[in-house]
PDB file of N, CA and C in Angstrom:
ATOM      1  N   GLN A   1      51.506  39.504 121.649  1.00  0.00           N
ATOM      2  CA  GLN A   1      51.577  40.663 123.560  1.00  0.00           C
ATOM      3  C   GLN A   1      49.977  40.468 123.883  1.00  0.00           C
ATOM      4  N   GLN A   2      49.858  39.639 125.138  1.00  0.00           N
ATOM      5  CA  GLN A   2      48.842  39.299 125.427  1.00  0.00           C
ATOM      6  C   GLN A   2      48.176  40.398 125.931  1.00  0.00           C
ATOM      7  N   SER A   3      46.918  39.916 125.452  1.00  0.00           N
ATOM      8  CA  SER A   3      45.651  41.337 126.270  1.00  0.00           C
ATOM      9  C   SER A   3      45.479  41.355 127.537  1.00  0.00           C
ATOM     10  N   ILE A   4      45.583  42.573 128.109  1.00  0.00           N
ATOM     11  CA  ILE A   4      45.212  43.015 128.968  1.00  0.00           C
ATOM     12  C   ILE A   4      43.675  42.773 129.839  1.00  0.00           C
ATOM     13  N   THR A   5      42.741  42.443 128.706  1.00  0.00           N
ATOM     14  CA  THR A   5      41.594  42.108 129.405  1.00  0.00           C
ATOM     15  C   THR A   5      41.205  41.032 130.439  1.00  0.00           C
ATOM     16  N   GLY A   6      40.377  41.606 131.149  1.00  0.00           N
ATOM     17  CA  GLY A   6      40.113  40.232 132.438  1.00  0.00           C
ATOM     18  C   GLY A   6      39.792  41.696 133.637  1.00  0.00           C
ATOM     19  N   ASP A   7      39.664  40.883 134.707  1.00  0.00           N
ATOM     20  CA  ASP A   7      39.487  41.210 135.935  1.00  0.00           C
ATOM     21  C   ASP A   7      41.016  41.494 137.100  1.00  0.00           C
ATOM     22  N   TRP A   8      41.565  42.245 137.574  1.00  0.00           N
ATOM     23  CA  TRP A   8      42.510  43.185 137.979  1.00  0.00           C
ATOM     24  C   TRP A   8      42.121  43.018 139.305  1.00  0.00           C
ATOM     25  N   THR A   9      43.546  43.096 140.297  1.00  0.00           N
ATOM     26  CA  THR A   9      43.211  43.633 141.237  1.00  0.00           C
ATOM     27  C   THR A   9      44.353  44.704 141.105  1.00  0.00           C
ATOM     28  N   PHE A  10      43.765  45.945 141.632  1.00  0.00           N
ATOM     29  CA  PHE A  10      44.133  47.321 141.435  1.00  0.00           C
ATOM     30  C   PHE A  10      44.116  48.106 142.928  1.00  0.00           C
ATOM     31  N   SER A  11      45.303  48.146 143.393  1.00  0.00           N
ATOM     32  CA  SER A  11      45.978  48.472 144.073  1.00  0.00           C
ATOM     33  C   SER A  11      46.503  50.327 144.630  1.00  0.00           C
ATOM     34  N   VAL A  12      46.064  51.118 145.667  1.00  0.00           N
ATOM     35  CA  VAL A  12      46.181  52.006 145.735  1.00  0.00           C
ATOM     36  C   VAL A  12      45.688  52.346 147.023  1.00  0.00           C
ATOM     37  N   GLU A  13      46.992  53.658 147.429  1.00  0.00           N
ATOM     38  CA  GLU A  13      47.237  53.349 149.077  1.00  0.00           C
ATOM     39  C   GLU A  13      46.860  52.753 149.755  1.00  0.00           C
ATOM     40  N   HIS A  14      46.963  51.210 149.684  1.00  0.00           N
ATOM     41  CA  HIS A  14      46.493  49.936 150.924  1.00  0.00           C
ATOM     42  C   HIS A  14      45.476  49.500 150.892  1.00  0.00           C
ATOM     43  N   ILE A  15      44.805  49.671 149.089  1.00  0.00           N
ATOM     44  CA  ILE A  15      43.227  49.271 149.027  1.00  0.00           C
ATOM     45  C   ILE A  15      43.176  48.115 147.564  1.00  0.00           C
ATOM     46  N   GLY A  16      43.054  47.080 147.373  1.00  0.00           N
ATOM     47  CA  GLY A  16      42.679  46.233 146.652  1.00  0.00           C
ATOM     48  C   GLY A  16      41.262  46.847 146.264  1.00  0.00           C
ATOM     49  N   LEU A  17      41.205  47.564 144.701  1.00  0.00           N
ATOM     50  CA  LEU A  17      39.732  47.818 144.371  1.00  0.00           C
ATOM     51  C   LEU A  17      39.879  46.965 143.351  1.00  0.00           C
ATOM     52  N   LYS A  18      38.599  46.688 142.434  1.00  0.00           N
ATOM     53  CA  LYS A  18      38.334  45.848 141.389  1.00  0.00           C
ATOM     54  C   LYS A  18      38.655  46.736 140.122  1.00  0.00           C
ATOM     55  N   LEU A  19      39.240  46.375 139.342  1.00  0.00           N
ATOM     56  CA  LEU A  19      39.299  46.403 137.869  1.00  0.00           C
ATOM     57  C   LEU A  19      39.052  45.429 136.674  1.00  0.00           C
ATOM     58  N   THR A  20      38.288  46.073 136.039  1.00  0.00           N
ATOM     59  CA  THR A  20      37.804  45.134 134.708  1.00  0.00           C
ATOM     60  C   THR A  20      38.320  46.081 133.981  1.00  0.00           C
ATOM     61  N   LEU A  21      38.893  45.283 132.435  1.00  0.00           N
ATOM     62  CA  LEU A  21      39.104  45.982 131.871  1.00  0.00           C
ATOM     63  C   LEU A  21      39.038  44.866 130.442  1.00  0.00           C
ATOM     64  N   GLU A  22      38.882  45.630 128.825  1.00  0.00           N
ATOM     65  CA  GLU A  22      37.954  44.663 127.872  1.00  0.00           C
ATOM     66  C   GLU A  22      38.964  45.409 127.115  1.00  0.00           C
ATOM     67  N   GLU A  23      40.177  44.696 126.230  1.00  0.00           N
ATOM     68  CA  GLU A  23      41.087  45.422 124.982  1.00  0.00           C
ATOM     69  C   GLU A  23      40.645  45.059 123.351  1.00  0.00           C
ATOM     70  N   LYS A  24      40.252  45.755 122.747  1.00  0.00           N
ATOM     71  CA  LYS A  24      39.936  45.506 121.589  1.00  0.00           C
ATOM     72  C   LYS A  24      41.185  46.109 120.801  1.00  0.00           C
ATOM     73  N   ASN A  25      42.151  45.379 119.626  1.00  0.00           N
ATOM     74  CA  ASN A  25      43.253  45.955 119.777  1.00  0.00           C
ATOM     75  C   ASN A  25      44.219  46.844 120.401  1.00  0.00           C
ATOM     76  N   SER A  26      43.586  48.311 120.241  1.00  0.00           N
ATOM     77  CA  SER A  26      45.050  48.968 121.433  1.00  0.00           C
ATOM     78  C   SER A  26      43.787  49.560 122.077  1.00  0.00           C
ATOM     79  N   ALA A  27      42.501  49.708 121.712  1.00  0.00           N
ATOM     80  CA  ALA A  27      41.449  50.599 122.194  1.00  0.00           C
ATOM     81  C   ALA A  27      41.124  49.631 123.787  1.00  0.00           C
ATOM     82  N   VAL A  28      40.510  50.675 124.764  1.00  0.00           N
ATOM     83  CA  VAL A  28      40.495  49.328 126.601  1.00  0.00           C
ATOM     84  C   VAL A  28      39.276  50.424 127.058  1.00  0.00           C
ATOM     85  N   THR A  29      38.407  49.652 127.131  1.00  0.00           N
ATOM     86  CA  THR A  29      36.953  50.382 127.860  1.00  0.00           C
ATOM     87  C   THR A  29      37.655  49.804 129.429  1.00  0.00           C
ATOM     88  N   GLY A  30      36.467  49.956 130.548  1.00  0.00           N
ATOM     89  CA  GLY A  30      36.439  49.022 131.727  1.00  0.00           C
ATOM     90  C   GLY A  30      36.034  49.776 132.957  1.00  0.00           C
ATOM     91  N   THR A  31      36.368  49.276 134.053  1.00  0.00           N
ATOM     92  CA  THR A  31      35.041  50.050 134.966  1.00  0.00           C
ATOM     93  C   THR A  31      36.416  49.785 136.394  1.00  0.00           C
ATOM     94  N   LEU A  32      36.489  50.786 137.180  1.00  0.00           N
ATOM     95  CA  LEU A  32      37.333  50.733 138.098  1.00  0.00           C
ATOM     96  C   LEU A  32      36.301  50.750 139.705  1.00  0.00           C
ATOM     97  N   ASP A  33      35.896  50.035 140.478  1.00  0.00           N
ATOM     98  CA  ASP A  33      35.589  50.601 141.702  1.00  0.00           C
ATOM     99  C   ASP A  33      36.150  51.505 142.592  1.00  0.00           C
ATOM    100  N   TRP A  34      34.903  52.101 142.948  1.00  0.00           N
ATOM    101  CA  TRP A  34      35.674  53.069 144.349  1.00  0.00           C
ATOM    102  C   TRP A  34      34.948  52.945 145.216  1.00  0.00           C
ATOM    103  N   PRO A  35      34.802  53.375 146.641  1.00  0.00           N
ATOM    104  CA  PRO A  35      34.179  53.331 148.036  1.00  0.00           C
ATOM    105  C   PRO A  35      33.397  54.656 147.687  1.00  0.00           C
ATOM    106  N   HIS A  36      33.372  55.697 146.871  1.00  0.00           N
ATOM    107  CA  HIS A  36      32.472  56.836 146.814  1.00  0.00           C
ATOM    108  C   HIS A  36      31.116  57.095 146.169  1.00  0.00           C
ATOM    109  N   GLY A  37      30.928  55.647 145.472  1.00  0.00           N
ATOM    110  CA  GLY A  37      29.918  55.811 144.331  1.00  0.00           C
ATOM    111  C   GLY A  37      29.976  54.751 143.435  1.00  0.00           C
ATOM    112  N   ASP A  38      29.003  54.642 141.833  1.00  0.00           N
ATOM    113  CA  ASP A  38      29.124  54.109 141.235  1.00  0.00           C
ATOM    114  C   ASP A  38      30.681  53.234 140.484  1.00  0.00           C
ATOM    115  N   PRO A  39      31.156  52.535 139.921  1.00  0.00           N
ATOM    116  CA  PRO A  39      32.434  52.606 139.500  1.00  0.00           C
ATOM    117  C   PRO A  39      32.502  53.208 138.520  1.00  0.00           C
ATOM    118  N   VAL A  40      33.792  53.634 138.076  1.00  0.00           N
ATOM    119  CA  VAL A  40      34.105  54.571 137.609  1.00  0.00           C
ATOM    120  C   VAL A  40      34.304  53.807 135.519  1.00  0.00           C
ATOM    121  N   LYS A  41      34.160  54.777 135.195  1.00  0.00           N
ATOM    122  CA  LYS A  41      33.869  54.245 133.199  1.00  0.00           C
ATOM    123  C   LYS A  41      34.914  54.664 132.819  1.00  0.00           C
ATOM    124  N   LEU A  42      35.676  53.671 132.078  1.00  0.00           N
ATOM    125  CA  LEU A  42      36.961  54.298 131.996  1.00  0.00           C
ATOM    126  C   LEU A  42      37.279  53.607 130.296  1.00  0.00           C
ATOM    127  N   THR A  43      37.799  54.428 129.406  1.00  0.00           N
ATOM    128  CA  THR A  43      37.954  54.596 128.431  1.00  0.00           C
ATOM    129  C   THR A  43      39.891  55.035 128.154  1.00  0.00           C
ATOM    130  N   GLY A  44      39.993  54.595 126.828  1.00  0.00           N
ATOM    131  CA  GLY A  44      41.817  54.181 126.708  1.00  0.00           C
ATOM    132  C   GLY A  44      42.118  53.690 125.672  1.00  0.00           C
ATOM    133  N   LEU A  45      43.576  53.577 126.435  1.00  0.00           N
ATOM    134  CA  LEU A  45      44.696  52.956 124.630  1.00  0.00           C
ATOM    135  C   LEU A  45      45.904  51.787 126.101  1.00  0.00           C
ATOM    136  N   PHE A  46      45.962  50.872 125.070  1.00  0.00           N
ATOM    137  CA  PHE A  46      46.875  49.701 125.955  1.00  0.00           C
ATOM    138  C   PHE A  46      47.859  49.677 124.473  1.00  0.00           C
ATOM    139  N   ALA A  47      49.030  50.300 124.078  1.00  0.00           N
ATOM    140  CA  ALA A  47      50.084  50.101 123.379  1.00  0.00           C
ATOM    141  C   ALA A  47      51.188  50.228 123.507  1.00  0.00           C
ATOM    142  N   ASN A  48      52.109  49.071 123.396  1.00  0.00           N
ATOM    143  CA  ASN A  48      53.681  49.113 123.182  1.00  0.00           C
ATOM    144  C   ASN A  48      53.983  49.512 125.049  1.00  0.00           C
ATOM    145  N   ASN A  49      53.100  48.204 125.679  1.00  0.00           N
ATOM    146  CA  ASN A  49      53.173  47.959 127.300  1.00  0.00           C
ATOM    147  C   ASN A  49      52.564  48.813 127.888  1.00  0.00           C
ATOM    148  N   THR A  50      52.311  50.306 127.632  1.00  0.00           N
ATOM    149  CA  THR A  50      51.763  51.312 127.999  1.00  0.00           C
ATOM    150  C   THR A  50      50.354  51.761 128.135  1.00  0.00           C
ATOM    151  N   LEU A  51      49.730  51.720 129.484  1.00  0.00           N
ATOM    152  CA  LEU A  51      48.308  51.671 129.484  1.00  0.00           C
ATOM    153  C   LEU A  51      47.678  53.248 129.762  1.00  0.00           C
ATOM    154  N   ILE A  52      47.085  54.186 128.988  1.00  0.00           N
ATOM    155  CA  ILE A  52      46.299  55.302 129.350  1.00  0.00           C
ATOM    156  C   ILE A  52      44.917  55.124 129.680  1.00  0.00           C
ATOM    157  N   LEU A  53      44.452  55.319 130.478  1.00  0.00           N
ATOM    158  CA  LEU A  53      42.611  55.365 130.896  1.00  0.00           C
ATOM    159  C   LEU A  53      42.432  56.518 131.316  1.00  0.00           C
ATOM    160  N   SER A  54      40.752  56.816 130.922  1.00  0.00           N
ATOM    161  CA  SER A  54      40.474  58.048 131.859  1.00  0.00           C
ATOM    162  C   SER A  54      39.331  57.828 132.125  1.00  0.00           C
ATOM    163  N   GLY A  55      38.501  58.623 133.314  1.00  0.00           N
ATOM    164  CA  GLY A  55      37.113  58.325 133.442  1.00  0.00           C
ATOM    165  C   GLY A  55      36.162  59.347 134.662  1.00  0.00           C
ATOM    166  N   ASP A  56      34.934  58.847 134.672  1.00  0.00           N
ATOM    167  CA  ASP A  56      34.443  60.478 135.599  1.00  0.00           C
ATOM    168  C   ASP A  56      33.530  59.720 136.101  1.00  0.00           C
ATOM    169  N   SER A  57      33.094  59.756 137.793  1.00  0.00           N
ATOM    170  CA  SER A  57      32.170  59.412 138.899  1.00  0.00           C
ATOM    171  C   SER A  57      31.544  60.339 139.243  1.00  0.00           C
ATOM    172  N   ALA A  58      30.420  60.410 139.435  1.00  0.00           N
ATOM    173  CA  ALA A  58      29.671  61.714 140.540  1.00  0.00           C
ATOM    174  C   ALA A  58      28.781  60.826 141.395  1.00  0.00           C
ATOM    175  N   GLY A  59      28.656  62.063 142.220  1.00  0.00           N
ATOM    176  CA  GLY A  59      27.207  61.736 143.428  1.00  0.00           C
ATOM    177  C   GLY A  59      26.800  62.463 144.017  1.00  0.00           C
ATOM    178  N   ALA A  60      25.816  62.644 144.951  1.00  0.00           N
ATOM    179  CA  ALA A  60      25.099  63.695 145.673  1.00  0.00           C
ATOM    180  C   ALA A  60      25.960  65.014 145.544  1.00  0.00           C
ATOM    181  N   ASN A  61      27.104  64.724 146.078  1.00  0.00           N
ATOM    182  CA  ASN A  61      27.680  65.904 146.716  1.00  0.00           C
ATOM    183  C   ASN A  61      29.174  65.664 145.899  1.00  0.00           C
ATOM    184  N   PHE A  62      29.218  65.482 144.843  1.00  0.00           N
ATOM    185  CA  PHE A  62      31.046  65.094 144.399  1.00  0.00           C
ATOM    186  C   PHE A  62      30.797  65.019 142.951  1.00  0.00           C
ATOM    187  N   THR A  63      31.878  65.437 142.321  1.00  0.00           N
ATOM    188  CA  THR A  63      32.332  64.959 140.768  1.00  0.00           C
ATOM    189  C   THR A  63      33.830  64.519 140.927  1.00  0.00           C
ATOM    190  N   ILE A  64      34.227  62.952 140.286  1.00  0.00           N
ATOM    191  CA  ILE A  64      35.573  62.604 140.210  1.00  0.00           C
ATOM    192  C   ILE A  64      35.698  62.550 138.604  1.00  0.00           C
ATOM    193  N   HIS A  65      36.887  63.208 137.989  1.00  0.00           N
ATOM    194  CA  HIS A  65      37.654  63.022 137.539  1.00  0.00           C
ATOM    195  C   HIS A  65      39.030  62.210 137.412  1.00  0.00           C
ATOM    196  N   ILE A  66      39.442  60.848 136.472  1.00  0.00           N
ATOM    197  CA  ILE A  66      40.992  60.214 137.026  1.00  0.00           C
ATOM    198  C   ILE A  66      41.491  60.729 135.356  1.00  0.00           C
ATOM    199  N   ASP A  67      42.706  60.395 135.201  1.00  0.00           N
ATOM    200  CA  ASP A  67      43.631  59.780 134.625  1.00  0.00           C
ATOM    201  C   ASP A  67      45.033  58.508 135.079  1.00  0.00           C
ATOM    202  N   VAL A  68      44.481  57.757 134.369  1.00  0.00           N
ATOM    203  CA  VAL A  68      45.366  56.454 134.969  1.00  0.00           C
ATOM    204  C   VAL A  68      46.534  56.575 134.029  1.00  0.00           C
ATOM    205  N   THR A  69      47.828  56.954 134.072  1.00  0.00           N
ATOM    206  CA  THR A  69      48.692  56.097 133.077  1.00  0.00           C
ATOM    207  C   THR A  69      50.157  55.045 133.744  1.00  0.00           C
ATOM    208  N   GLY A  70      50.128  54.119 132.630  1.00  0.00           N
ATOM    209  CA  GLY A  70      51.176  53.335 133.828  1.00  0.00           C
ATOM    210  C   GLY A  70      51.921  51.841 132.907  1.00  0.00           C
ATOM    211  N   THR A  71      52.653  51.686 133.072  1.00  0.00           N
ATOM    212  CA  THR A  71      53.007  50.117 132.054  1.00  0.00           C
ATOM    213  C   THR A  71      52.763  48.914 132.915  1.00  0.00           C
ATOM    214  N   ARG A  72      53.150  47.658 131.777  1.00  0.00           N
ATOM    215  CA  ARG A  72      52.865  46.777 132.298  1.00  0.00           C
ATOM    216  C   ARG A  72      54.932  46.082 131.963  1.00  0.00           C
ATOM    217  N   LYS A  73      54.746  45.581 133.103  1.00  0.00           N
ATOM    218  CA  LYS A  73      55.605  45.118 133.708  1.00  0.00           C
ATOM    219  C   LYS A  73      56.206  44.087 132.985  1.00  0.00           C
ATOM    220  N   THR A  74      57.538  43.670 133.069  1.00  0.00           N
ATOM    221  CA  THR A  74      58.131  41.872 132.590  1.00  0.00           C
ATOM    222  C   THR A  74      57.486  41.436 133.400  1.00  0.00           C
ATOM    223  N   ASP A  75      56.660  41.248 134.995  1.00  0.00           N
ATOM    224  CA  ASP A  75      56.404  39.829 135.518  1.00  0.00           C
ATOM    225  C   ASP A  75      54.851  39.661 135.213  1.00  0.00           C
ATOM    226  N   GLY A  76      54.018  40.975 134.132  1.00  0.00           N
ATOM    227  CA  GLY A  76      52.634  41.148 133.702  1.00  0.00           C
ATOM    228  C   GLY A  76      52.008  41.656 134.625  1.00  0.00           C
ATOM    229  N   THR A  77      52.464  42.464 135.731  1.00  0.00           N
ATOM    230  CA  THR A  77      51.402  43.268 136.488  1.00  0.00           C
ATOM    231  C   THR A  77      51.499  45.137 135.849  1.00  0.00           C
ATOM    232  N   LEU A  78      51.004  45.252 135.844  1.00  0.00           N
ATOM    233  CA  LEU A  78      50.503  47.217 135.613  1.00  0.00           C
ATOM    234  C   LEU A  78      50.898  47.942 136.662  1.00  0.00           C
ATOM    235  N   ALA A  79      52.298  49.107 136.494  1.00  0.00           N
ATOM    236  CA  ALA A  79      52.122  49.955 137.748  1.00  0.00           C
ATOM    237  C   ALA A  79      51.805  51.400 137.340  1.00  0.00           C
ATOM    238  N   GLY A  80      51.380  52.235 137.783  1.00  0.00           N
ATOM    239  CA  GLY A  80      51.513  53.980 137.769  1.00  0.00           C
ATOM    240  C   GLY A  80      51.287  54.936 138.698  1.00  0.00           C
ATOM    241  N   THR A  81      50.932  56.044 138.179  1.00  0.00           N
ATOM    242  CA  THR A  81      50.244  56.616 138.561  1.00  0.00           C
ATOM    243  C   THR A  81      48.723  57.397 138.304  1.00  0.00           C
ATOM    244  N   VAL A  82      47.612  57.653 139.505  1.00  0.00           N
ATOM    245  CA  VAL A  82      46.583  57.957 139.051  1.00  0.00           C
ATOM    246  C   VAL A  82      46.347  59.943 139.159  1.00  0.00           C
ATOM    247  N   LYS A  83      45.718  60.298 138.222  1.00  0.00           N
ATOM    248  CA  LYS A  83      46.455  61.991 138.268  1.00  0.00           C
ATOM    249  C   LYS A  83      44.458  61.942 138.638  1.00  0.00           C
ATOM    250  N   ALA A  84      43.796  62.274 140.147  1.00  0.00           N
ATOM    251  CA  ALA A  84      42.372  62.319 140.676  1.00  0.00           C
ATOM    252  C   ALA A  84      42.492  63.659 140.802  1.00  0.00           C
ATOM    253  N   HIS A  85      41.040  64.211 140.120  1.00  0.00           N
ATOM    254  CA  HIS A  85      40.484  65.423 140.448  1.00  0.00           C
ATOM    255  C   HIS A  85      39.306  65.743 141.259  1.00  0.00           C
ATOM    256  N   PHE A  86      38.680  66.353 142.301  1.00  0.00           N
ATOM    257  CA  PHE A  86      37.458  65.957 143.460  1.00  0.00           C
ATOM    258  C   PHE A  86      37.246  67.294 143.037  1.00  0.00           C
ATOM    259  N   ASP A  87      36.038  67.441 142.805  1.00  0.00           N
ATOM    260  CA  ASP A  87      35.439  68.869 143.427  1.00  0.00           C
ATOM    261  C   ASP A  87      34.500  67.789 143.905  1.00  0.00           C
ATOM    262  N   GLU A  88      33.895  68.860 145.457  1.00  0.00           N
ATOM    263  CA  GLU A  88      33.120  68.509 146.308  1.00  0.00           C
ATOM    264  C   GLU A  88      32.477  69.327 146.347  1.00  0.00           C
ATOM    265  N   PHE A  89      30.597  69.328 146.941  1.00  0.00           N
ATOM    266  CA  PHE A  89      30.042  70.446 146.674  1.00  0.00           C
ATOM    267  C   PHE A  89      28.836  70.218 147.907  1.00  0.00           C
ATOM    268  N   ASN A  90      28.719  71.414 148.102  1.00  0.00           N
ATOM    269  CA  ASN A  90      27.246  71.993 149.504  1.00  0.00           C
ATOM    270  C   ASN A  90      25.868  71.107 148.758  1.00  0.00           C
ATOM    271  N   ASP A  91      24.745  71.498 149.700  1.00  0.00           N
ATOM    272  CA  ASP A  91      23.820  71.593 149.158  1.00  0.00           C
ATOM    273  C   ASP A  91      22.833  72.664 148.332  1.00  0.00           C
ATOM    274  N   ALA A  92      23.603  73.192 147.988  1.00  0.00           N
ATOM    275  CA  ALA A  92      23.300  74.563 147.029  1.00  0.00           C
ATOM    276  C   ALA A  92      24.030  74.389 146.130  1.00  0.00           C
ATOM    277  N   HIS A  93      24.648  72.938 145.727  1.00  0.00           N
ATOM    278  CA  HIS A  93      25.827  72.448 144.496  1.00  0.00           C
ATOM    279  C   HIS A  93      26.949  73.432 144.399  1.00  0.00           C
ATOM    280  N   THR A  94      27.715  74.485 145.231  1.00  0.00           N
ATOM    281  CA  THR A  94      28.309  75.330 145.019  1.00  0.00           C
ATOM    282  C   THR A  94      29.757  74.251 145.702  1.00  0.00           C
ATOM    283  N   ILE A  95      30.811  74.540 145.270  1.00  0.00           N
ATOM    284  CA  ILE A  95      31.547  73.298 145.292  1.00  0.00           C
ATOM    285  C   ILE A  95      32.421  74.109 146.044  1.00  0.00           C
ATOM    286  N   VAL A  96      32.741  73.221 147.630  1.00  0.00           N
ATOM    287  CA  VAL A  96      33.151  73.672 148.163  1.00  0.00           C
ATOM    288  C   VAL A  96      34.932  73.235 149.013  1.00  0.00           C
ATOM    289  N   ARG A  97      35.030  72.077 148.086  1.00  0.00           N
ATOM    290  CA  ARG A  97      36.321  72.228 148.061  1.00  0.00           C
ATOM    291  C   ARG A  97      36.847  71.272 146.893  1.00  0.00           C
ATOM    292  N   VAL A  98      37.889  71.196 146.896  1.00  0.00           N
ATOM    293  CA  VAL A  98      38.966  71.116 145.025  1.00  0.00           C
ATOM    294  C   VAL A  98      40.061  69.697 145.991  1.00  0.00           C
ATOM    295  N   ARG A  99      40.160  68.547 145.095  1.00  0.00           N
ATOM    296  CA  ARG A  99      41.279  68.328 145.847  1.00  0.00           C
ATOM    297  C   ARG A  99      42.030  67.737 144.133  1.00  0.00           C
ATOM    298  N   ASN A 100      43.665  67.742 144.202  1.00  0.00           N
ATOM    299  CA  ASN A 100      44.014  67.557 143.169  1.00  0.00           C
ATOM    300  C   ASN A 100      44.695  66.203 143.289  1.00  0.00           C
ATOM    301  N   GLN A 101      44.804  64.623 143.294  1.00  0.00           N
ATOM    302  CA  GLN A 101      46.287  63.931 143.800  1.00  0.00           C
ATOM    303  C   GLN A 101      46.574  63.034 142.523  1.00  0.00           C
ATOM    304  N   ASP A 102      47.669  62.594 142.890  1.00  0.00           N
ATOM    305  CA  ASP A 102      48.752  62.474 142.083  1.00  0.00           C
ATOM    306  C   ASP A 102      48.929  60.948 142.833  1.00  0.00           C
ATOM    307  N   ILE A 103      48.442  59.980 142.625  1.00  0.00           N
ATOM    308  CA  ILE A 103      48.596  58.608 143.587  1.00  0.00           C
ATOM    309  C   ILE A 103      48.843  57.652 142.689  1.00  0.00           C
ATOM    310  N   PRO A 104      50.309  56.811 143.569  1.00  0.00           N
ATOM    311  CA  PRO A 104      50.561  55.626 142.726  1.00  0.00           C
ATOM    312  C   PRO A 104      49.775  54.442 142.678  1.00  0.00           C
ATOM    313  N   TRP A 105      49.637  53.719 141.692  1.00  0.00           N
ATOM    314  CA  TRP A 105      49.272  52.218 141.906  1.00  0.00           C
ATOM    315  C   TRP A 105      49.553  50.761 141.178  1.00  0.00           C
ATOM    316  N   THR A 106      49.387  49.761 141.122  1.00  0.00           N
ATOM    317  CA  THR A 106      49.681  48.580 140.727  1.00  0.00           C
ATOM    318  C   THR A 106      48.775  47.800 140.892  1.00  0.00           C
ATOM    319  N   ALA A 107      48.652  46.910 139.510  1.00  0.00           N
ATOM    320  CA  ALA A 107      47.744  45.500 139.359  1.00  0.00           C
ATOM    321  C   ALA A 107      47.989  44.683 139.254  1.00  0.00           C
ATOM    322  N   GLU A 108      47.490  43.518 139.368  1.00  0.00           N
ATOM    323  CA  GLU A 108      47.508  42.122 139.163  1.00  0.00           C
ATOM    324  C   GLU A 108      46.802  41.738 138.850  1.00  0.00           C
ATOM    325  N   ARG A 109      46.390  40.620 137.632  1.00  0.00           N
ATOM    326  CA  ARG A 109      45.751  39.687 137.411  1.00  0.00           C
ATOM    327  C   ARG A 109      45.055  39.246 138.431  1.00  0.00           C
ATOM    328  N   GLY A 110      43.707  39.051 138.233  1.00  0.00           N
ATOM    329  CA  GLY A 110      42.739  38.482 139.353  1.00  0.00           C
ATOM    330  C   GLY A 110      42.448  38.990 140.296  1.00  0.00           C
ATOM    331  N   LEU A 111      41.214  38.892 140.889  1.00  0.00           N
ATOM    332  CA  LEU A 111      41.458  39.441 142.303  1.00  0.00           C
ATOM    333  C   LEU A 111      41.180  38.813 143.018  1.00  0.00           C
ATOM    334  N   LYS A 112      41.947  39.782 144.241  1.00  0.00           N
ATOM    335  CA  LYS A 112      43.098  39.609 145.547  1.00  0.00           C
ATOM    336  C   LYS A 112      42.850  40.424 146.939  1.00  0.00           C
ATOM    337  N   ASN A 113      41.911  39.976 147.740  1.00  0.00           N
ATOM    338  CA  ASN A 113      42.060  41.446 149.120  1.00  0.00           C
ATOM    339  C   ASN A 113      41.564  42.475 147.870  1.00  0.00           C
ATOM    340  N   VAL A 114      40.374  41.818 147.180  1.00  0.00           N
ATOM    341  CA  VAL A 114      39.649  43.446 146.725  1.00  0.00           C
ATOM    342  C   VAL A 114      38.336  44.020 148.199  1.00  0.00           C
ATOM    343  N   VAL A 115      38.287  45.315 148.441  1.00  0.00           N
ATOM    344  CA  VAL A 115      37.033  45.618 148.992  1.00  0.00           C
ATOM    345  C   VAL A 115      35.824  45.804 148.323  1.00  0.00           C
ATOM    346  N   HIS A 116      35.023  45.145 148.810  1.00  0.00           N
ATOM    347  CA  HIS A 116      33.808  45.683 147.908  1.00  0.00           C
ATOM    348  C   HIS A 116      32.299  45.967 149.298  1.00  0.00           C
ATOM    349  N   PHE A 117      31.982  46.819 148.095  1.00  0.00           N
ATOM    350  CA  PHE A 117      31.839  48.236 148.297  1.00  0.00           C
ATOM    351  C   PHE A 117      30.368  47.997 148.710  1.00  0.00           C
ATOM    352  N   PRO A 118      29.135  48.412 149.060  1.00  0.00           N
ATOM    353  CA  PRO A 118      27.441  47.958 148.851  1.00  0.00           C
ATOM    354  C   PRO A 118      26.997  49.231 148.039  1.00  0.00           C
ATOM    355  N   ARG A 119      26.104  48.837 146.938  1.00  0.00           N
ATOM    356  CA  ARG A 119      25.909  49.964 146.524  1.00  0.00           C
ATOM    357  C   ARG A 119      24.164  49.400 147.172  1.00  0.00           C
TER     358      ARG A 119
END
């Protein structure tokens, strides 16, 4: 079974994001770039062609938690669903908006049309 270690183009809502994964045995770590802050640090498992990852990120006025599930397809690509939980805060750090989304995603090896976000 080929390792999923490396850079991937993670496509969600027509946006290509940089996904970097490192697999050791069945344990997986990585990062996912996204437009609203530092990359999301991911941890999880890859076994029997099934990928399970979770991670968190935060900024001055938000937090996000994602749970990623997916499978490796016969062509080597990955596909699945991201469950994202967003909390948005006002200046007093009171939650003003909560959003939960289930978003389909795909990923292919290499970086193709990836959106780069200035830090």
